[in-house]
Amino acid sequence: MLHLNPLGIEVLIDRLKSTNLDPYWDNYDFVLWKKDNSGYSNIKGMFRKNAWGIAEKFSVTNNGTWVLPKKYVRYFK
């Protein structure tokens, strides 16, 4: 797992802007949205920017970090 503080999340947001993922904040939750037509019938589906997509939501933990899966480590290399 990847534990990120607020500065780490901001670095990740800057590096994700050149990909097909759309990172944004939803209050204190960090959300990664990817355009995908299957989002219409997916439980994680979300309508955003006039398109359906799939969103992954990461909530802040008690120690002030966000825990992301290891697949996002590649954006820090």
PDB file of N, CA and C in Angstrom:
ATOM      1  N   MET A   1       0.840  -1.185   0.000  1.00  0.00           N
ATOM      2  CA  MET A   1       0.000   0.000   0.000  1.00  0.00           C
ATOM      3  C   MET A   1       0.882   1.244   0.000  1.00  0.00           C
ATOM      4  N   LEU A   2       0.341   2.287  -0.557  1.00  0.00           N
ATOM      5  CA  LEU A   2       1.044   3.557  -0.683  1.00  0.00           C
ATOM      6  C   LEU A   2       0.384   4.559   0.259  1.00  0.00           C
ATOM      7  N   HIS A   3       1.136   5.016   1.254  1.00  0.00           N
ATOM      8  CA  HIS A   3       0.633   5.984   2.234  1.00  0.00           C
ATOM      9  C   HIS A   3       1.130   7.365   1.837  1.00  0.00           C
ATOM     10  N   LEU A   4       0.202   8.281   1.548  1.00  0.00           N
ATOM     11  CA  LEU A   4       0.582   9.618   1.090  1.00  0.00           C
ATOM     12  C   LEU A   4       0.037  10.695   2.012  1.00  0.00           C
ATOM     13  N   ASN A   5       0.874  11.690   2.271  1.00  0.00           N
ATOM     14  CA  ASN A   5       0.439  12.871   3.013  1.00  0.00           C
ATOM     15  C   ASN A   5      -0.117  13.877   2.005  1.00  0.00           C
ATOM     16  N   PRO A   6      -0.627  15.023   2.443  1.00  0.00           N
ATOM     17  CA  PRO A   6      -1.202  15.985   1.487  1.00  0.00           C
ATOM     18  C   PRO A   6      -0.234  16.426   0.389  1.00  0.00           C
ATOM     19  N   LEU A   7       1.047  16.599   0.719  1.00  0.00           N
ATOM     20  CA  LEU A   7       2.026  16.987  -0.292  1.00  0.00           C
ATOM     21  C   LEU A   7       2.211  15.875  -1.331  1.00  0.00           C
ATOM     22  N   GLY A   8       2.227  14.634  -0.881  1.00  0.00           N
ATOM     23  CA  GLY A   8       2.345  13.507  -1.795  1.00  0.00           C
ATOM     24  C   GLY A   8       1.159  13.405  -2.732  1.00  0.00           C
ATOM     25  N   ILE A   9      -0.034  13.701  -2.227  1.00  0.00           N
ATOM     26  CA  ILE A   9      -1.238  13.688  -3.063  1.00  0.00           C
ATOM     27  C   ILE A   9      -1.148  14.772  -4.130  1.00  0.00           C
ATOM     28  N   GLU A  10      -0.650  15.955  -3.762  1.00  0.00           N
ATOM     29  CA  GLU A  10      -0.518  17.038  -4.742  1.00  0.00           C
ATOM     30  C   GLU A  10       0.476  16.675  -5.837  1.00  0.00           C
ATOM     31  N   VAL A  11       1.569  16.011  -5.480  1.00  0.00           N
ATOM     32  CA  VAL A  11       2.538  15.547  -6.475  1.00  0.00           C
ATOM     33  C   VAL A  11       1.875  14.524  -7.397  1.00  0.00           C
ATOM     34  N   LEU A  12       1.105  13.607  -6.823  1.00  0.00           N
ATOM     35  CA  LEU A  12       0.401  12.611  -7.621  1.00  0.00           C
ATOM     36  C   LEU A  12      -0.589  13.270  -8.581  1.00  0.00           C
ATOM     37  N   ILE A  13      -1.313  14.280  -8.129  1.00  0.00           N
ATOM     38  CA  ILE A  13      -2.264  14.985  -8.984  1.00  0.00           C
ATOM     39  C   ILE A  13      -1.542  15.621 -10.167  1.00  0.00           C
ATOM     40  N   ASP A  14      -0.398  16.251  -9.928  1.00  0.00           N
ATOM     41  CA  ASP A  14       0.366  16.863 -11.016  1.00  0.00           C
ATOM     42  C   ASP A  14       0.820  15.829 -12.039  1.00  0.00           C
ATOM     43  N   ARG A  15       1.223  14.662 -11.581  1.00  0.00           N
ATOM     44  CA  ARG A  15       1.718  13.632 -12.492  1.00  0.00           C
ATOM     45  C   ARG A  15       0.605  12.889 -13.207  1.00  0.00           C
ATOM     46  N   LEU A  16      -0.584  12.874 -12.637  1.00  0.00           N
ATOM     47  CA  LEU A  16      -1.709  12.185 -13.268  1.00  0.00           C
ATOM     48  C   LEU A  16      -2.398  13.026 -14.336  1.00  0.00           C
ATOM     49  N   LYS A  17      -2.110  14.314 -14.405  1.00  0.00           N
ATOM     50  CA  LYS A  17      -2.799  15.180 -15.364  1.00  0.00           C
ATOM     51  C   LYS A  17      -2.488  14.803 -16.804  1.00  0.00           C
ATOM     52  N   SER A  18      -1.370  14.132 -17.055  1.00  0.00           N
ATOM     53  CA  SER A  18      -1.021  13.738 -18.422  1.00  0.00           C
ATOM     54  C   SER A  18      -1.567  12.351 -18.773  1.00  0.00           C
ATOM     55  N   THR A  19      -2.316  11.734 -17.876  1.00  0.00           N
ATOM     56  CA  THR A  19      -2.878  10.411 -18.124  1.00  0.00           C
ATOM     57  C   THR A  19      -4.380  10.529 -18.373  1.00  0.00           C
ATOM     58  N   ASN A  20      -5.036   9.402 -18.536  1.00  0.00           N
ATOM     59  CA  ASN A  20      -6.484   9.421 -18.756  1.00  0.00           C
ATOM     60  C   ASN A  20      -7.262   9.390 -17.445  1.00  0.00           C
ATOM     61  N   LEU A  21      -6.579   9.504 -16.317  1.00  0.00           N
ATOM     62  CA  LEU A  21      -7.252   9.587 -15.021  1.00  0.00           C
ATOM     63  C   LEU A  21      -7.499  11.049 -14.668  1.00  0.00           C
ATOM     64  N   ASP A  22      -8.624  11.316 -14.047  1.00  0.00           N
ATOM     65  CA  ASP A  22      -8.986  12.674 -13.646  1.00  0.00           C
ATOM     66  C   ASP A  22      -9.026  12.728 -12.121  1.00  0.00           C
ATOM     67  N   PRO A  23      -7.951  13.221 -11.484  1.00  0.00           N
ATOM     68  CA  PRO A  23      -7.942  13.299 -10.015  1.00  0.00           C
ATOM     69  C   PRO A  23      -8.617  14.590  -9.533  1.00  0.00           C
ATOM     70  N   TYR A  24      -9.346  14.496  -8.432  1.00  0.00           N
ATOM     71  CA  TYR A  24      -9.944  15.685  -7.844  1.00  0.00           C
ATOM     72  C   TYR A  24     -10.266  15.415  -6.369  1.00  0.00           C
ATOM     73  N   TRP A  25     -10.554  16.492  -5.655  1.00  0.00           N
ATOM     74  CA  TRP A  25     -10.909  16.415  -4.236  1.00  0.00           C
ATOM     75  C   TRP A  25     -12.417  16.443  -4.082  1.00  0.00           C
ATOM     76  N   ASP A  26     -12.918  15.641  -3.160  1.00  0.00           N
ATOM     77  CA  ASP A  26     -14.313  15.679  -2.746  1.00  0.00           C
ATOM     78  C   ASP A  26     -14.286  15.824  -1.228  1.00  0.00           C
ATOM     79  N   ASN A  27     -14.288  17.074  -0.772  1.00  0.00           N
ATOM     80  CA  ASN A  27     -14.029  17.417   0.631  1.00  0.00           C
ATOM     81  C   ASN A  27     -12.654  16.878   1.016  1.00  0.00           C
ATOM     82  N   TYR A  28     -12.544  15.968   1.964  1.00  0.00           N
ATOM     83  CA  TYR A  28     -11.242  15.413   2.338  1.00  0.00           C
ATOM     84  C   TYR A  28     -10.969  14.080   1.658  1.00  0.00           C
ATOM     85  N   ASP A  29     -11.831  13.665   0.768  1.00  0.00           N
ATOM     86  CA  ASP A  29     -11.628  12.423   0.029  1.00  0.00           C
ATOM     87  C   ASP A  29     -10.913  12.726  -1.280  1.00  0.00           C
ATOM     88  N   PHE A  30      -9.978  11.858  -1.637  1.00  0.00           N
ATOM     89  CA  PHE A  30      -9.269  11.961  -2.905  1.00  0.00           C
ATOM     90  C   PHE A  30      -9.922  10.996  -3.876  1.00  0.00           C
ATOM     91  N   VAL A  31     -10.321  11.497  -5.043  1.00  0.00           N
ATOM     92  CA  VAL A  31     -11.063  10.687  -6.005  1.00  0.00           C
ATOM     93  C   VAL A  31     -10.297  10.625  -7.319  1.00  0.00           C
ATOM     94  N   LEU A  32     -10.172   9.424  -7.862  1.00  0.00           N
ATOM     95  CA  LEU A  32      -9.600   9.212  -9.187  1.00  0.00           C
ATOM     96  C   LEU A  32     -10.723   8.708 -10.089  1.00  0.00           C
ATOM     97  N   TRP A  33     -11.001   9.458 -11.151  1.00  0.00           N
ATOM     98  CA  TRP A  33     -12.086   9.129 -12.069  1.00  0.00           C
ATOM     99  C   TRP A  33     -11.504   8.831 -13.437  1.00  0.00           C
ATOM    100  N   LYS A  34     -11.969   7.743 -14.041  1.00  0.00           N
ATOM    101  CA  LYS A  34     -11.520   7.353 -15.372  1.00  0.00           C
ATOM    102  C   LYS A  34     -12.744   7.172 -16.255  1.00  0.00           C
ATOM    103  N   LYS A  35     -12.735   7.825 -17.420  1.00  0.00           N
ATOM    104  CA  LYS A  35     -13.854   7.723 -18.345  1.00  0.00           C
ATOM    105  C   LYS A  35     -13.991   6.289 -18.834  1.00  0.00           C
ATOM    106  N   ASP A  36     -15.203   5.746 -18.677  1.00  0.00           N
ATOM    107  CA  ASP A  36     -15.468   4.364 -19.067  1.00  0.00           C
ATOM    108  C   ASP A  36     -16.985   4.203 -19.206  1.00  0.00           C
ATOM    109  N   ASN A  37     -17.433   3.780 -20.354  1.00  0.00           N
ATOM    110  CA  ASN A  37     -18.873   3.643 -20.585  1.00  0.00           C
ATOM    111  C   ASN A  37     -19.517   2.605 -19.681  1.00  0.00           C
ATOM    112  N   SER A  38     -18.757   1.656 -19.182  1.00  0.00           N
ATOM    113  CA  SER A  38     -19.324   0.650 -18.283  1.00  0.00           C
ATOM    114  C   SER A  38     -19.649   1.236 -16.905  1.00  0.00           C
ATOM    115  N   GLY A  39     -19.268   2.470 -16.661  1.00  0.00           N
ATOM    116  CA  GLY A  39     -19.599   3.125 -15.405  1.00  0.00           C
ATOM    117  C   GLY A  39     -21.088   3.297 -15.200  1.00  0.00           C
ATOM    118  N   TYR A  40     -21.853   3.247 -16.286  1.00  0.00           N
ATOM    119  CA  TYR A  40     -23.309   3.376 -16.198  1.00  0.00           C
ATOM    120  C   TYR A  40     -23.919   2.269 -15.350  1.00  0.00           C
ATOM    121  N   SER A  41     -23.363   1.064 -15.466  1.00  0.00           N
ATOM    122  CA  SER A  41     -23.922  -0.072 -14.722  1.00  0.00           C
ATOM    123  C   SER A  41     -23.012  -0.565 -13.601  1.00  0.00           C
ATOM    124  N   ASN A  42     -21.898   0.104 -13.384  1.00  0.00           N
ATOM    125  CA  ASN A  42     -20.947  -0.309 -12.359  1.00  0.00           C
ATOM    126  C   ASN A  42     -21.320   0.332 -11.026  1.00  0.00           C
ATOM    127  N   ILE A  43     -21.069  -0.380  -9.933  1.00  0.00           N
ATOM    128  CA  ILE A  43     -21.382   0.161  -8.603  1.00  0.00           C
ATOM    129  C   ILE A  43     -20.521   1.380  -8.273  1.00  0.00           C
ATOM    130  N   LYS A  44     -19.332   1.470  -8.864  1.00  0.00           N
ATOM    131  CA  LYS A  44     -18.450   2.625  -8.664  1.00  0.00           C
ATOM    132  C   LYS A  44     -18.617   3.659  -9.766  1.00  0.00           C
ATOM    133  N   GLY A  45     -19.653   3.507 -10.581  1.00  0.00           N
ATOM    134  CA  GLY A  45     -19.878   4.414 -11.696  1.00  0.00           C
ATOM    135  C   GLY A  45     -20.286   5.804 -11.232  1.00  0.00           C
ATOM    136  N   MET A  46     -19.856   6.801 -12.017  1.00  0.00           N
ATOM    137  CA  MET A  46     -20.156   8.192 -11.694  1.00  0.00           C
ATOM    138  C   MET A  46     -20.259   8.980 -13.004  1.00  0.00           C
ATOM    139  N   PHE A  47     -21.242   9.866 -13.086  1.00  0.00           N
ATOM    140  CA  PHE A  47     -21.412  10.724 -14.256  1.00  0.00           C
ATOM    141  C   PHE A  47     -20.688  12.027 -13.969  1.00  0.00           C
ATOM    142  N   ARG A  48     -19.703  12.347 -14.800  1.00  0.00           N
ATOM    143  CA  ARG A  48     -18.878  13.540 -14.590  1.00  0.00           C
ATOM    144  C   ARG A  48     -18.432  14.056 -15.955  1.00  0.00           C
ATOM    145  N   LYS A  49     -18.463  15.362 -16.136  1.00  0.00           N
ATOM    146  CA  LYS A  49     -18.027  15.992 -17.388  1.00  0.00           C
ATOM    147  C   LYS A  49     -18.757  15.410 -18.597  1.00  0.00           C
ATOM    148  N   ASN A  50     -20.057  15.247 -18.465  1.00  0.00           N
ATOM    149  CA  ASN A  50     -20.922  14.746 -19.539  1.00  0.00           C
ATOM    150  C   ASN A  50     -20.525  13.366 -20.050  1.00  0.00           C
ATOM    151  N   ALA A  51     -19.992  12.530 -19.177  1.00  0.00           N
ATOM    152  CA  ALA A  51     -19.604  11.170 -19.564  1.00  0.00           C
ATOM    153  C   ALA A  51     -19.671  10.266 -18.343  1.00  0.00           C
ATOM    154  N   TRP A  52     -19.866   8.984 -18.597  1.00  0.00           N
ATOM    155  CA  TRP A  52     -19.834   8.002 -17.524  1.00  0.00           C
ATOM    156  C   TRP A  52     -18.394   7.551 -17.303  1.00  0.00           C
ATOM    157  N   GLY A  53     -18.088   7.238 -16.061  1.00  0.00           N
ATOM    158  CA  GLY A  53     -16.762   6.753 -15.713  1.00  0.00           C
ATOM    159  C   GLY A  53     -16.812   5.968 -14.422  1.00  0.00           C
ATOM    160  N   ILE A  54     -15.652   5.471 -14.043  1.00  0.00           N
ATOM    161  CA  ILE A  54     -15.519   4.707 -12.802  1.00  0.00           C
ATOM    162  C   ILE A  54     -14.624   5.497 -11.858  1.00  0.00           C
ATOM    163  N   ALA A  55     -15.086   5.668 -10.634  1.00  0.00           N
ATOM    164  CA  ALA A  55     -14.365   6.464  -9.642  1.00  0.00           C
ATOM    165  C   ALA A  55     -13.842   5.578  -8.522  1.00  0.00           C
ATOM    166  N   GLU A  56     -12.616   5.868  -8.109  1.00  0.00           N
ATOM    167  CA  GLU A  56     -12.041   5.242  -6.912  1.00  0.00           C
ATOM    168  C   GLU A  56     -11.910   6.336  -5.872  1.00  0.00           C
ATOM    169  N   LYS A  57     -12.492   6.117  -4.715  1.00  0.00           N
ATOM    170  CA  LYS A  57     -12.494   7.129  -3.656  1.00  0.00           C
ATOM    171  C   LYS A  57     -11.597   6.663  -2.512  1.00  0.00           C
ATOM    172  N   PHE A  58     -10.717   7.562  -2.075  1.00  0.00           N
ATOM    173  CA  PHE A  58      -9.792   7.262  -0.980  1.00  0.00           C
ATOM    174  C   PHE A  58     -10.024   8.273   0.133  1.00  0.00           C
ATOM    175  N   SER A  59     -10.416   7.783   1.289  1.00  0.00           N
ATOM    176  CA  SER A  59     -10.685   8.651   2.432  1.00  0.00           C
ATOM    177  C   SER A  59      -9.423   8.824   3.267  1.00  0.00           C
ATOM    178  N   VAL A  60      -9.361   9.946   3.953  1.00  0.00           N
ATOM    179  CA  VAL A  60      -8.221  10.218   4.821  1.00  0.00           C
ATOM    180  C   VAL A  60      -8.296   9.302   6.047  1.00  0.00           C
ATOM    181  N   THR A  61      -7.140   8.817   6.494  1.00  0.00           N
ATOM    182  CA  THR A  61      -7.089   7.955   7.674  1.00  0.00           C
ATOM    183  C   THR A  61      -6.965   8.804   8.934  1.00  0.00           C
ATOM    184  N   ASN A  62      -6.976   8.152  10.079  1.00  0.00           N
ATOM    185  CA  ASN A  62      -6.885   8.872  11.358  1.00  0.00           C
ATOM    186  C   ASN A  62      -5.565   9.602  11.543  1.00  0.00           C
ATOM    187  N   ASN A  63      -4.501   9.129  10.884  1.00  0.00           N
ATOM    188  CA  ASN A  63      -3.197   9.790  11.045  1.00  0.00           C
ATOM    189  C   ASN A  63      -2.935  10.821   9.948  1.00  0.00           C
ATOM    190  N   GLY A  64      -3.953  11.172   9.157  1.00  0.00           N
ATOM    191  CA  GLY A  64      -3.823  12.253   8.182  1.00  0.00           C
ATOM    192  C   GLY A  64      -3.197  11.855   6.861  1.00  0.00           C
ATOM    193  N   THR A  65      -3.239  10.574   6.517  1.00  0.00           N
ATOM    194  CA  THR A  65      -2.695  10.129   5.239  1.00  0.00           C
ATOM    195  C   THR A  65      -3.789   9.450   4.426  1.00  0.00           C
ATOM    196  N   TRP A  66      -3.515   9.283   3.151  1.00  0.00           N
ATOM    197  CA  TRP A  66      -4.410   8.553   2.261  1.00  0.00           C
ATOM    198  C   TRP A  66      -3.697   7.287   1.843  1.00  0.00           C
ATOM    199  N   VAL A  67      -4.389   6.169   1.864  1.00  0.00           N
ATOM    200  CA  VAL A  67      -3.806   4.869   1.516  1.00  0.00           C
ATOM    201  C   VAL A  67      -4.302   4.490   0.123  1.00  0.00           C
ATOM    202  N   LEU A  68      -3.353   4.385  -0.808  1.00  0.00           N
ATOM    203  CA  LEU A  68      -3.665   4.035  -2.192  1.00  0.00           C
ATOM    204  C   LEU A  68      -3.046   2.685  -2.522  1.00  0.00           C
ATOM    205  N   PRO A  69      -3.596   1.971  -3.502  1.00  0.00           N
ATOM    206  CA  PRO A  69      -3.010   0.684  -3.905  1.00  0.00           C
ATOM    207  C   PRO A  69      -1.628   0.872  -4.524  1.00  0.00           C
ATOM    208  N   LYS A  70      -0.858  -0.202  -4.547  1.00  0.00           N
ATOM    209  CA  LYS A  70       0.511  -0.163  -5.067  1.00  0.00           C
ATOM    210  C   LYS A  70       0.595   0.204  -6.536  1.00  0.00           C
ATOM    211  N   LYS A  71      -0.485   0.042  -7.293  1.00  0.00           N
ATOM    212  CA  LYS A  71      -0.432   0.327  -8.729  1.00  0.00           C
ATOM    213  C   LYS A  71      -0.147   1.798  -9.024  1.00  0.00           C
ATOM    214  N   TYR A  72      -0.280   2.680  -8.050  1.00  0.00           N
ATOM    215  CA  TYR A  72      -0.002   4.104  -8.259  1.00  0.00           C
ATOM    216  C   TYR A  72       1.439   4.475  -7.922  1.00  0.00           C
ATOM    217  N   VAL A  73       2.243   3.527  -7.472  1.00  0.00           N
ATOM    218  CA  VAL A  73       3.652   3.789  -7.171  1.00  0.00           C
ATOM    219  C   VAL A  73       4.395   4.204  -8.430  1.00  0.00           C
ATOM    220  N   ARG A  74       3.999   3.673  -9.581  1.00  0.00           N
ATOM    221  CA  ARG A  74       4.711   3.950 -10.836  1.00  0.00           C
ATOM    222  C   ARG A  74       4.718   5.435 -11.192  1.00  0.00           C
ATOM    223  N   TYR A  75       3.814   6.234 -10.653  1.00  0.00           N
ATOM    224  CA  TYR A  75       3.798   7.671 -10.950  1.00  0.00           C
ATOM    225  C   TYR A  75       4.828   8.445 -10.126  1.00  0.00           C
ATOM    226  N   PHE A  76       5.522   7.782  -9.222  1.00  0.00           N
ATOM    227  CA  PHE A  76       6.542   8.438  -8.400  1.00  0.00           C
ATOM    228  C   PHE A  76       7.951   8.063  -8.824  1.00  0.00           C
ATOM    229  N   LYS A  77       8.104   7.307  -9.897  1.00  0.00           N
ATOM    230  CA  LYS A  77       9.436   6.900 -10.350  1.00  0.00           C
ATOM    231  C   LYS A  77      10.020   7.943 -11.278  1.00  0.00           C
TER     232      LYS A  77
END
